Amino acid sequence: MSVSETVRGIVQESVESMALASGINGSNLQPRCRICRNDSLRTKVNDLLTTGASYAMVLRALGDDNATLEKGDRVTIDSIRRHTSRRFPVQNVANATYREILERRARANGADFVKGVATAITPMAFYETVMVKGYEALVDSGTGVDVTTGMIAAGRLQALIESRGSGTRIADLRVQMSRIIDAIHSTVPEELWPEILRKIDGPVAADTPGDEFEDGDDAEDEDGPVQPARTDEYYWTQVARRD
């Protein structure tokens, strides 16, 4: 996912979350949620989720609180999971955005944000959160961007676009070349490969002096010694043996 797609997706999610928050009869609390119906627990859980605690860490932090509650009111990992996915985004729109980044990056890196004994913060989540916070400041109506900064950003964006396009074209050419070689190896008899190589190299120009090739056998240039003519044929043979 590109930087622009990431930012666009996160901003869209924030907008949707805010719309959801304004449409629940003016209330962000769910009476059936064991966390929402207890003000003290709700504040503590939301604060821990914001700081990147795993669900298991949140549950351990509620040990004393759970000890004073009836069994039907005690918070479990499932309670925390449901609250995080359904109520936390409504009650804490901005912080829920950062929590989504944290859990998505943790999932991608194999970090356990449910039963883990440490926070679920990863370097990728940290950097993406910094980027999003910076973007929020950038789009604030009170933030000004001078012409010089805008020109620098435009130049770097163009360079990034061009570098990605060039890399994609080179990769496509390599794939196509590999397919051509594989097709020739599977359909053309091996004794015809030298003839194919000669046709690829092309005919020798008629006005090229013969002694030019004789001198070239021992010539060296700034890139090192000239490789023998059998290099291409050797490469083809090695690829065929590999297949």
C-alpha atoms as a PDB file:
ATOM      1  CA  MET A   1       0.000   0.000   0.000  1.00  0.00           C
ATOM      2  CA  SER A   2       1.328   3.420  -0.966  1.00  0.00           C
ATOM      3  CA  VAL A   3       1.634   6.373   1.424  1.00  0.00           C
ATOM      4  CA  SER A   4      -1.227   8.211  -0.284  1.00  0.00           C
ATOM      5  CA  GLU A   5      -3.493   5.147  -0.120  1.00  0.00           C
ATOM      6  CA  THR A   6      -2.672   4.637   3.564  1.00  0.00           C
ATOM      7  CA  VAL A   7      -3.452   8.236   4.478  1.00  0.00           C
ATOM      8  CA  ARG A   8      -6.610   8.263   2.360  1.00  0.00           C
ATOM      9  CA  GLY A   9      -7.857   5.055   3.975  1.00  0.00           C
ATOM     10  CA  ILE A  10      -7.197   6.254   7.498  1.00  0.00           C
ATOM     11  CA  VAL A  11      -8.854   9.627   6.897  1.00  0.00           C
ATOM     12  CA  GLN A  12     -11.895   7.876   5.402  1.00  0.00           C
ATOM     13  CA  GLU A  13     -12.120   5.567   8.405  1.00  0.00           C
ATOM     14  CA  SER A  14     -11.986   8.559  10.739  1.00  0.00           C
ATOM     15  CA  VAL A  15     -14.812  10.270   8.865  1.00  0.00           C
ATOM     16  CA  GLU A  16     -16.938   7.123   9.008  1.00  0.00           C
ATOM     17  CA  SER A  17     -16.261   6.735  12.720  1.00  0.00           C
ATOM     18  CA  MET A  18     -17.323  10.310  13.429  1.00  0.00           C
ATOM     19  CA  ALA A  19     -20.504   9.813  11.426  1.00  0.00           C
ATOM     20  CA  LEU A  20     -21.250   6.698  13.452  1.00  0.00           C
ATOM     21  CA  ALA A  21     -20.649   8.543  16.703  1.00  0.00           C
ATOM     22  CA  SER A  22     -23.202  11.228  15.839  1.00  0.00           C
ATOM     23  CA  GLY A  23     -25.905   8.701  14.969  1.00  0.00           C
ATOM     24  CA  ILE A  24     -26.312   6.669  18.166  1.00  0.00           C
ATOM     25  CA  ASN A  25     -29.115   8.710  19.789  1.00  0.00           C
ATOM     26  CA  GLY A  26     -26.562  11.133  21.193  1.00  0.00           C
ATOM     27  CA  SER A  27     -24.953   8.452  23.349  1.00  0.00           C
ATOM     28  CA  ASN A  28     -21.692   6.558  22.811  1.00  0.00           C
ATOM     29  CA  LEU A  29     -22.320   4.047  25.600  1.00  0.00           C
ATOM     30  CA  GLN A  30     -23.734   0.527  25.233  1.00  0.00           C
ATOM     31  CA  PRO A  31     -25.555  -0.677  28.377  1.00  0.00           C
ATOM     32  CA  ARG A  32     -24.932  -4.333  27.497  1.00  0.00           C
ATOM     33  CA  CYS A  33     -21.165  -3.783  27.321  1.00  0.00           C
ATOM     34  CA  ARG A  34     -19.502  -4.695  30.609  1.00  0.00           C
ATOM     35  CA  ILE A  35     -16.947  -1.977  30.054  1.00  0.00           C
ATOM     36  CA  CYS A  36     -19.256   0.818  28.889  1.00  0.00           C
ATOM     37  CA  ARG A  37     -21.685   0.509  31.790  1.00  0.00           C
ATOM     38  CA  ASN A  38     -18.930   1.086  34.358  1.00  0.00           C
ATOM     39  CA  ASP A  39     -17.451   4.585  34.128  1.00  0.00           C
ATOM     40  CA  SER A  40     -14.271   3.694  35.993  1.00  0.00           C
ATOM     41  CA  LEU A  41     -13.613   0.580  33.923  1.00  0.00           C
ATOM     42  CA  ARG A  42     -14.402   2.356  30.677  1.00  0.00           C
ATOM     43  CA  THR A  43     -11.924   5.144  31.348  1.00  0.00           C
ATOM     44  CA  LYS A  44      -9.196   2.732  32.402  1.00  0.00           C
ATOM     45  CA  VAL A  45      -9.693   0.387  29.440  1.00  0.00           C
ATOM     46  CA  ASN A  46      -9.804   3.180  26.872  1.00  0.00           C
ATOM     47  CA  ASP A  47      -6.629   4.727  28.285  1.00  0.00           C
ATOM     48  CA  LEU A  48      -4.796   1.386  28.159  1.00  0.00           C
ATOM     49  CA  LEU A  49      -5.925   0.703  24.595  1.00  0.00           C
ATOM     50  CA  THR A  50      -4.676   4.143  23.573  1.00  0.00           C
ATOM     51  CA  THR A  51      -1.205   3.458  24.986  1.00  0.00           C
ATOM     52  CA  GLY A  52      -0.869   0.211  22.984  1.00  0.00           C
ATOM     53  CA  ALA A  53      -1.522  -2.379  25.680  1.00  0.00           C
ATOM     54  CA  SER A  54      -2.445  -5.881  24.574  1.00  0.00           C
ATOM     55  CA  TYR A  55      -5.839  -7.254  25.610  1.00  0.00           C
ATOM     56  CA  ALA A  56      -4.154  -9.501  28.167  1.00  0.00           C
ATOM     57  CA  MET A  57      -2.346  -6.510  29.685  1.00  0.00           C
ATOM     58  CA  VAL A  58      -5.621  -4.607  29.945  1.00  0.00           C
ATOM     59  CA  LEU A  59      -7.269  -7.586  31.645  1.00  0.00           C
ATOM     60  CA  ARG A  60      -4.431  -7.889  34.185  1.00  0.00           C
ATOM     61  CA  ALA A  61      -4.701  -4.182  34.941  1.00  0.00           C
ATOM     62  CA  LEU A  62      -8.379  -4.716  35.811  1.00  0.00           C
ATOM     63  CA  GLY A  63      -7.626  -7.502  38.290  1.00  0.00           C
ATOM     64  CA  ASP A  64      -8.578  -5.512  41.393  1.00  0.00           C
ATOM     65  CA  ASP A  65     -11.670  -4.088  39.739  1.00  0.00           C
ATOM     66  CA  ASN A  66     -12.878  -7.514  38.587  1.00  0.00           C
ATOM     67  CA  ALA A  67     -12.406  -8.908  42.088  1.00  0.00           C
ATOM     68  CA  THR A  68     -15.117  -6.586  43.413  1.00  0.00           C
ATOM     69  CA  LEU A  69     -17.653  -7.340  40.660  1.00  0.00           C
ATOM     70  CA  GLU A  70     -20.249 -10.034  40.247  1.00  0.00           C
ATOM     71  CA  LYS A  71     -19.350 -12.803  37.802  1.00  0.00           C
ATOM     72  CA  GLY A  72     -21.742 -11.477  35.177  1.00  0.00           C
ATOM     73  CA  ASP A  73     -20.143  -8.013  35.347  1.00  0.00           C
ATOM     74  CA  ARG A  74     -16.477  -9.028  35.204  1.00  0.00           C
ATOM     75  CA  VAL A  75     -14.476  -7.980  32.186  1.00  0.00           C
ATOM     76  CA  THR A  76     -12.950 -10.739  30.041  1.00  0.00           C
ATOM     77  CA  ILE A  77     -10.647 -10.721  27.020  1.00  0.00           C
ATOM     78  CA  ASP A  78     -13.729 -11.193  24.836  1.00  0.00           C
ATOM     79  CA  SER A  79     -15.297  -8.146  26.483  1.00  0.00           C
ATOM     80  CA  ILE A  80     -12.199  -6.108  25.689  1.00  0.00           C
ATOM     81  CA  ARG A  81     -12.065  -7.384  22.103  1.00  0.00           C
ATOM     82  CA  ARG A  82     -15.712  -6.492  21.448  1.00  0.00           C
ATOM     83  CA  HIS A  83     -15.367  -3.109  23.107  1.00  0.00           C
ATOM     84  CA  THR A  84     -12.253  -2.320  21.042  1.00  0.00           C
ATOM     85  CA  SER A  85     -13.912  -3.167  17.741  1.00  0.00           C
ATOM     86  CA  ARG A  86     -17.402  -1.763  18.385  1.00  0.00           C
ATOM     87  CA  ARG A  87     -17.437   0.926  21.083  1.00  0.00           C
ATOM     88  CA  PHE A  88     -13.888   2.269  21.354  1.00  0.00           C
ATOM     89  CA  PRO A  89     -13.887   3.735  17.795  1.00  0.00           C
ATOM     90  CA  VAL A  90     -17.079   5.654  18.628  1.00  0.00           C
ATOM     91  CA  GLN A  91     -15.973   6.914  22.001  1.00  0.00           C
ATOM     92  CA  ASN A  92     -12.411   7.810  20.941  1.00  0.00           C
ATOM     93  CA  VAL A  93     -12.361   8.564  17.229  1.00  0.00           C
ATOM     94  CA  ALA A  94      -8.781   9.836  16.950  1.00  0.00           C
ATOM     95  CA  ASN A  95      -7.267   7.320  19.367  1.00  0.00           C
ATOM     96  CA  ALA A  96      -9.155   4.477  17.697  1.00  0.00           C
ATOM     97  CA  THR A  97      -7.430   5.402  14.435  1.00  0.00           C
ATOM     98  CA  TYR A  98      -4.045   4.933  16.086  1.00  0.00           C
ATOM     99  CA  ARG A  99      -5.198   1.695  17.706  1.00  0.00           C
ATOM    100  CA  GLU A 100      -6.239   0.388  14.289  1.00  0.00           C
ATOM    101  CA  ILE A 101      -2.757   1.169  12.968  1.00  0.00           C
ATOM    102  CA  LEU A 102      -1.199  -0.593  15.943  1.00  0.00           C
ATOM    103  CA  GLU A 103      -3.254  -3.777  15.601  1.00  0.00           C
ATOM    104  CA  ARG A 104      -2.911  -3.932  11.805  1.00  0.00           C
ATOM    105  CA  ARG A 105       0.874  -3.558  11.959  1.00  0.00           C
ATOM    106  CA  ALA A 106       1.120  -6.014  14.853  1.00  0.00           C
ATOM    107  CA  ARG A 107      -0.898  -8.548  12.870  1.00  0.00           C
ATOM    108  CA  ALA A 108       1.337  -8.083   9.829  1.00  0.00           C
ATOM    109  CA  ASN A 109       4.468  -8.606  11.943  1.00  0.00           C
ATOM    110  CA  GLY A 110       3.142 -11.580  13.871  1.00  0.00           C
ATOM    111  CA  ALA A 111       2.959  -9.677  17.167  1.00  0.00           C
ATOM    112  CA  ASP A 112       0.280 -10.903  19.589  1.00  0.00           C
ATOM    113  CA  PHE A 113      -1.872  -7.930  20.595  1.00  0.00           C
ATOM    114  CA  VAL A 114      -4.477 -10.195  22.257  1.00  0.00           C
ATOM    115  CA  LYS A 115      -2.549 -12.397  24.698  1.00  0.00           C
ATOM    116  CA  GLY A 116       0.867 -10.768  24.471  1.00  0.00           C
ATOM    117  CA  VAL A 117       2.656  -9.828  27.673  1.00  0.00           C
ATOM    118  CA  ALA A 118       4.067  -6.613  26.224  1.00  0.00           C
ATOM    119  CA  THR A 119       2.641  -3.698  24.282  1.00  0.00           C
ATOM    120  CA  ALA A 120       1.677  -4.307  20.683  1.00  0.00           C
ATOM    121  CA  ILE A 121       3.676  -1.331  19.430  1.00  0.00           C
ATOM    122  CA  THR A 122       5.931  -2.112  16.448  1.00  0.00           C
ATOM    123  CA  PRO A 123       8.352   0.203  14.602  1.00  0.00           C
ATOM    124  CA  MET A 124       6.050   0.257  11.565  1.00  0.00           C
ATOM    125  CA  ALA A 125       3.070   1.240  13.732  1.00  0.00           C
ATOM    126  CA  PHE A 126       5.133   3.963  15.371  1.00  0.00           C
ATOM    127  CA  TYR A 127       6.244   5.498  12.080  1.00  0.00           C
ATOM    128  CA  GLU A 128       2.781   5.297  10.521  1.00  0.00           C
ATOM    129  CA  THR A 129       1.254   6.963  13.573  1.00  0.00           C
ATOM    130  CA  VAL A 130       3.817   9.775  13.370  1.00  0.00           C
ATOM    131  CA  MET A 131       2.983  10.183   9.686  1.00  0.00           C
ATOM    132  CA  VAL A 132      -0.761  10.355  10.379  1.00  0.00           C
ATOM    133  CA  LYS A 133      -0.286  12.834  13.224  1.00  0.00           C
ATOM    134  CA  GLY A 134       1.817  14.972  10.908  1.00  0.00           C
ATOM    135  CA  TYR A 135      -0.839  14.754   8.202  1.00  0.00           C
ATOM    136  CA  GLU A 136      -3.525  15.838  10.673  1.00  0.00           C
ATOM    137  CA  ALA A 137      -1.463  18.895  11.524  1.00  0.00           C
ATOM    138  CA  LEU A 138      -0.841  19.563   7.840  1.00  0.00           C
ATOM    139  CA  VAL A 139      -4.526  19.591   6.850  1.00  0.00           C
ATOM    140  CA  ASP A 140      -5.491  21.764   9.817  1.00  0.00           C
ATOM    141  CA  SER A 141      -6.882  25.072   8.583  1.00  0.00           C
ATOM    142  CA  GLY A 142      -4.416  26.960  10.749  1.00  0.00           C
ATOM    143  CA  THR A 143      -1.353  25.301   9.196  1.00  0.00           C
ATOM    144  CA  GLY A 144       0.391  27.203   6.427  1.00  0.00           C
ATOM    145  CA  VAL A 145       2.660  25.692   3.766  1.00  0.00           C
ATOM    146  CA  ASP A 146       5.025  28.093   2.022  1.00  0.00           C
ATOM    147  CA  VAL A 147       5.818  27.917  -1.689  1.00  0.00           C
ATOM    148  CA  THR A 148       9.344  26.547  -1.165  1.00  0.00           C
ATOM    149  CA  THR A 149       8.108  23.640   0.959  1.00  0.00           C
ATOM    150  CA  GLY A 150       5.401  22.913  -1.602  1.00  0.00           C
ATOM    151  CA  MET A 151       7.947  22.872  -4.441  1.00  0.00           C
ATOM    152  CA  ILE A 152      10.211  20.480  -2.505  1.00  0.00           C
ATOM    153  CA  ALA A 153       7.289  18.150  -1.779  1.00  0.00           C
ATOM    154  CA  ALA A 154       6.214  18.202  -5.441  1.00  0.00           C
ATOM    155  CA  GLY A 155       9.749  17.369  -6.607  1.00  0.00           C
ATOM    156  CA  ARG A 156      10.102  14.451  -4.194  1.00  0.00           C
ATOM    157  CA  LEU A 157       6.686  13.113  -5.140  1.00  0.00           C
ATOM    158  CA  GLN A 158       7.581  13.220  -8.843  1.00  0.00           C
ATOM    159  CA  ALA A 159      10.903  11.485  -8.190  1.00  0.00           C
ATOM    160  CA  LEU A 160       9.118   8.763  -6.217  1.00  0.00           C
ATOM    161  CA  ILE A 161       6.577   8.216  -9.000  1.00  0.00           C
ATOM    162  CA  GLU A 162       9.301   7.994 -11.658  1.00  0.00           C
ATOM    163  CA  SER A 163      11.482   5.623  -9.637  1.00  0.00           C
ATOM    164  CA  ARG A 164       8.579   3.251  -9.066  1.00  0.00           C
ATOM    165  CA  GLY A 165       7.613   3.348 -12.736  1.00  0.00           C
ATOM    166  CA  SER A 166      11.176   2.594 -13.837  1.00  0.00           C
ATOM    167  CA  GLY A 167      11.515  -0.268 -11.397  1.00  0.00           C
ATOM    168  CA  THR A 168       8.245  -1.793 -12.592  1.00  0.00           C
ATOM    169  CA  ARG A 169       9.301  -1.648 -16.258  1.00  0.00           C
ATOM    170  CA  ILE A 170      12.647  -3.320 -15.560  1.00  0.00           C
ATOM    171  CA  ALA A 171      10.965  -6.061 -13.544  1.00  0.00           C
ATOM    172  CA  ASP A 172       8.462  -6.682 -16.353  1.00  0.00           C
ATOM    173  CA  LEU A 173      11.262  -6.936 -18.927  1.00  0.00           C
ATOM    174  CA  ARG A 174      13.135  -9.453 -16.786  1.00  0.00           C
ATOM    175  CA  VAL A 175      10.022 -11.598 -16.411  1.00  0.00           C
ATOM    176  CA  GLN A 176       9.383 -11.525 -20.158  1.00  0.00           C
ATOM    177  CA  MET A 177      12.996 -12.391 -20.963  1.00  0.00           C
ATOM    178  CA  SER A 178      12.906 -15.309 -18.536  1.00  0.00           C
ATOM    179  CA  ARG A 179       9.737 -16.603 -20.177  1.00  0.00           C
ATOM    180  CA  ILE A 180      11.290 -16.331 -23.642  1.00  0.00           C
ATOM    181  CA  ILE A 181      14.377 -18.287 -22.552  1.00  0.00           C
ATOM    182  CA  ASP A 182      12.267 -20.945 -20.851  1.00  0.00           C
ATOM    183  CA  ALA A 183      10.108 -21.285 -23.968  1.00  0.00           C
ATOM    184  CA  ILE A 184      13.157 -21.748 -26.200  1.00  0.00           C
ATOM    185  CA  HIS A 185      14.708 -24.295 -23.847  1.00  0.00           C
ATOM    186  CA  SER A 186      11.504 -26.351 -23.826  1.00  0.00           C
ATOM    187  CA  THR A 187      10.775 -26.248 -27.576  1.00  0.00           C
ATOM    188  CA  VAL A 188      14.069 -25.824 -29.471  1.00  0.00           C
ATOM    189  CA  PRO A 189      16.658 -28.654 -29.681  1.00  0.00           C
ATOM    190  CA  GLU A 190      19.872 -27.859 -27.848  1.00  0.00           C
ATOM    191  CA  GLU A 191      21.996 -28.158 -31.008  1.00  0.00           C
ATOM    192  CA  LEU A 192      20.165 -25.117 -32.447  1.00  0.00           C
ATOM    193  CA  TRP A 193      20.915 -22.812 -29.533  1.00  0.00           C
ATOM    194  CA  PRO A 194      24.262 -21.572 -30.963  1.00  0.00           C
ATOM    195  CA  GLU A 195      22.467 -20.540 -34.163  1.00  0.00           C
ATOM    196  CA  ILE A 196      19.869 -18.626 -32.148  1.00  0.00           C
ATOM    197  CA  LEU A 197      22.636 -16.835 -30.273  1.00  0.00           C
ATOM    198  CA  ARG A 198      24.344 -15.880 -33.526  1.00  0.00           C
ATOM    199  CA  LYS A 199      21.093 -14.418 -34.843  1.00  0.00           C
ATOM    200  CA  ILE A 200      20.574 -12.485 -31.615  1.00  0.00           C
ATOM    201  CA  ASP A 201      24.072 -11.018 -31.827  1.00  0.00           C
ATOM    202  CA  GLY A 202      23.399  -9.986 -35.450  1.00  0.00           C
ATOM    203  CA  PRO A 203      25.664 -10.091 -38.529  1.00  0.00           C
ATOM    204  CA  VAL A 204      29.162  -8.598 -38.462  1.00  0.00           C
ATOM    205  CA  ALA A 205      29.435  -5.341 -40.430  1.00  0.00           C
ATOM    206  CA  ALA A 206      31.144  -5.814 -43.803  1.00  0.00           C
ATOM    207  CA  ASP A 207      33.421  -2.773 -43.390  1.00  0.00           C
ATOM    208  CA  THR A 208      34.780  -3.902 -40.005  1.00  0.00           C
ATOM    209  CA  PRO A 209      38.537  -4.671 -40.328  1.00  0.00           C
ATOM    210  CA  GLY A 210      39.427  -8.252 -39.491  1.00  0.00           C
ATOM    211  CA  ASP A 211      42.400  -7.260 -37.329  1.00  0.00           C
ATOM    212  CA  GLU A 212      40.073  -5.239 -35.124  1.00  0.00           C
ATOM    213  CA  PHE A 213      38.647  -8.477 -33.760  1.00  0.00           C
ATOM    214  CA  GLU A 214      42.103 -10.016 -33.359  1.00  0.00           C
ATOM    215  CA  ASP A 215      43.293  -7.058 -31.300  1.00  0.00           C
ATOM    216  CA  GLY A 216      40.105  -7.143 -29.258  1.00  0.00           C
ATOM    217  CA  ASP A 217      40.902 -10.582 -27.860  1.00  0.00           C
ATOM    218  CA  ASP A 218      43.461  -9.157 -25.442  1.00  0.00           C
ATOM    219  CA  ALA A 219      42.036  -5.642 -25.127  1.00  0.00           C
ATOM    220  CA  GLU A 220      40.863  -4.230 -21.830  1.00  0.00           C
ATOM    221  CA  ASP A 221      38.767  -1.157 -21.170  1.00  0.00           C
ATOM    222  CA  GLU A 222      37.729   0.730 -18.082  1.00  0.00           C
ATOM    223  CA  ASP A 223      35.125  -1.935 -17.271  1.00  0.00           C
ATOM    224  CA  GLY A 224      37.673  -4.764 -17.166  1.00  0.00           C
ATOM    225  CA  PRO A 225      38.720  -7.482 -19.631  1.00  0.00           C
ATOM    226  CA  VAL A 226      36.495  -8.354 -22.566  1.00  0.00           C
ATOM    227  CA  GLN A 227      34.525 -11.520 -21.861  1.00  0.00           C
ATOM    228  CA  PRO A 228      34.958 -14.446 -24.292  1.00  0.00           C
ATOM    229  CA  ALA A 229      32.286 -14.975 -26.955  1.00  0.00           C
ATOM    230  CA  ARG A 230      31.135 -18.215 -25.334  1.00  0.00           C
ATOM    231  CA  THR A 231      29.631 -16.344 -22.381  1.00  0.00           C
ATOM    232  CA  ASP A 232      26.121 -16.190 -23.872  1.00  0.00           C
ATOM    233  CA  GLU A 233      26.187 -19.809 -24.904  1.00  0.00           C
ATOM    234  CA  TYR A 234      27.481 -20.801 -21.478  1.00  0.00           C
ATOM    235  CA  TYR A 235      24.635 -18.888 -19.806  1.00  0.00           C
ATOM    236  CA  TRP A 236      22.028 -20.627 -21.955  1.00  0.00           C
ATOM    237  CA  THR A 237      23.530 -24.031 -21.208  1.00  0.00           C
ATOM    238  CA  GLN A 238      23.624 -23.366 -17.483  1.00  0.00           C
ATOM    239  CA  VAL A 239      19.998 -22.237 -17.441  1.00  0.00           C
ATOM    240  CA  ALA A 240      18.992 -25.362 -19.372  1.00  0.00           C
ATOM    241  CA  ARG A 241      20.807 -27.595 -16.891  1.00  0.00           C
ATOM    242  CA  ARG A 242      19.145 -25.767 -14.037  1.00  0.00           C
ATOM    243  CA  ASP A 243      15.737 -26.471 -15.558  1.00  0.00           C
END
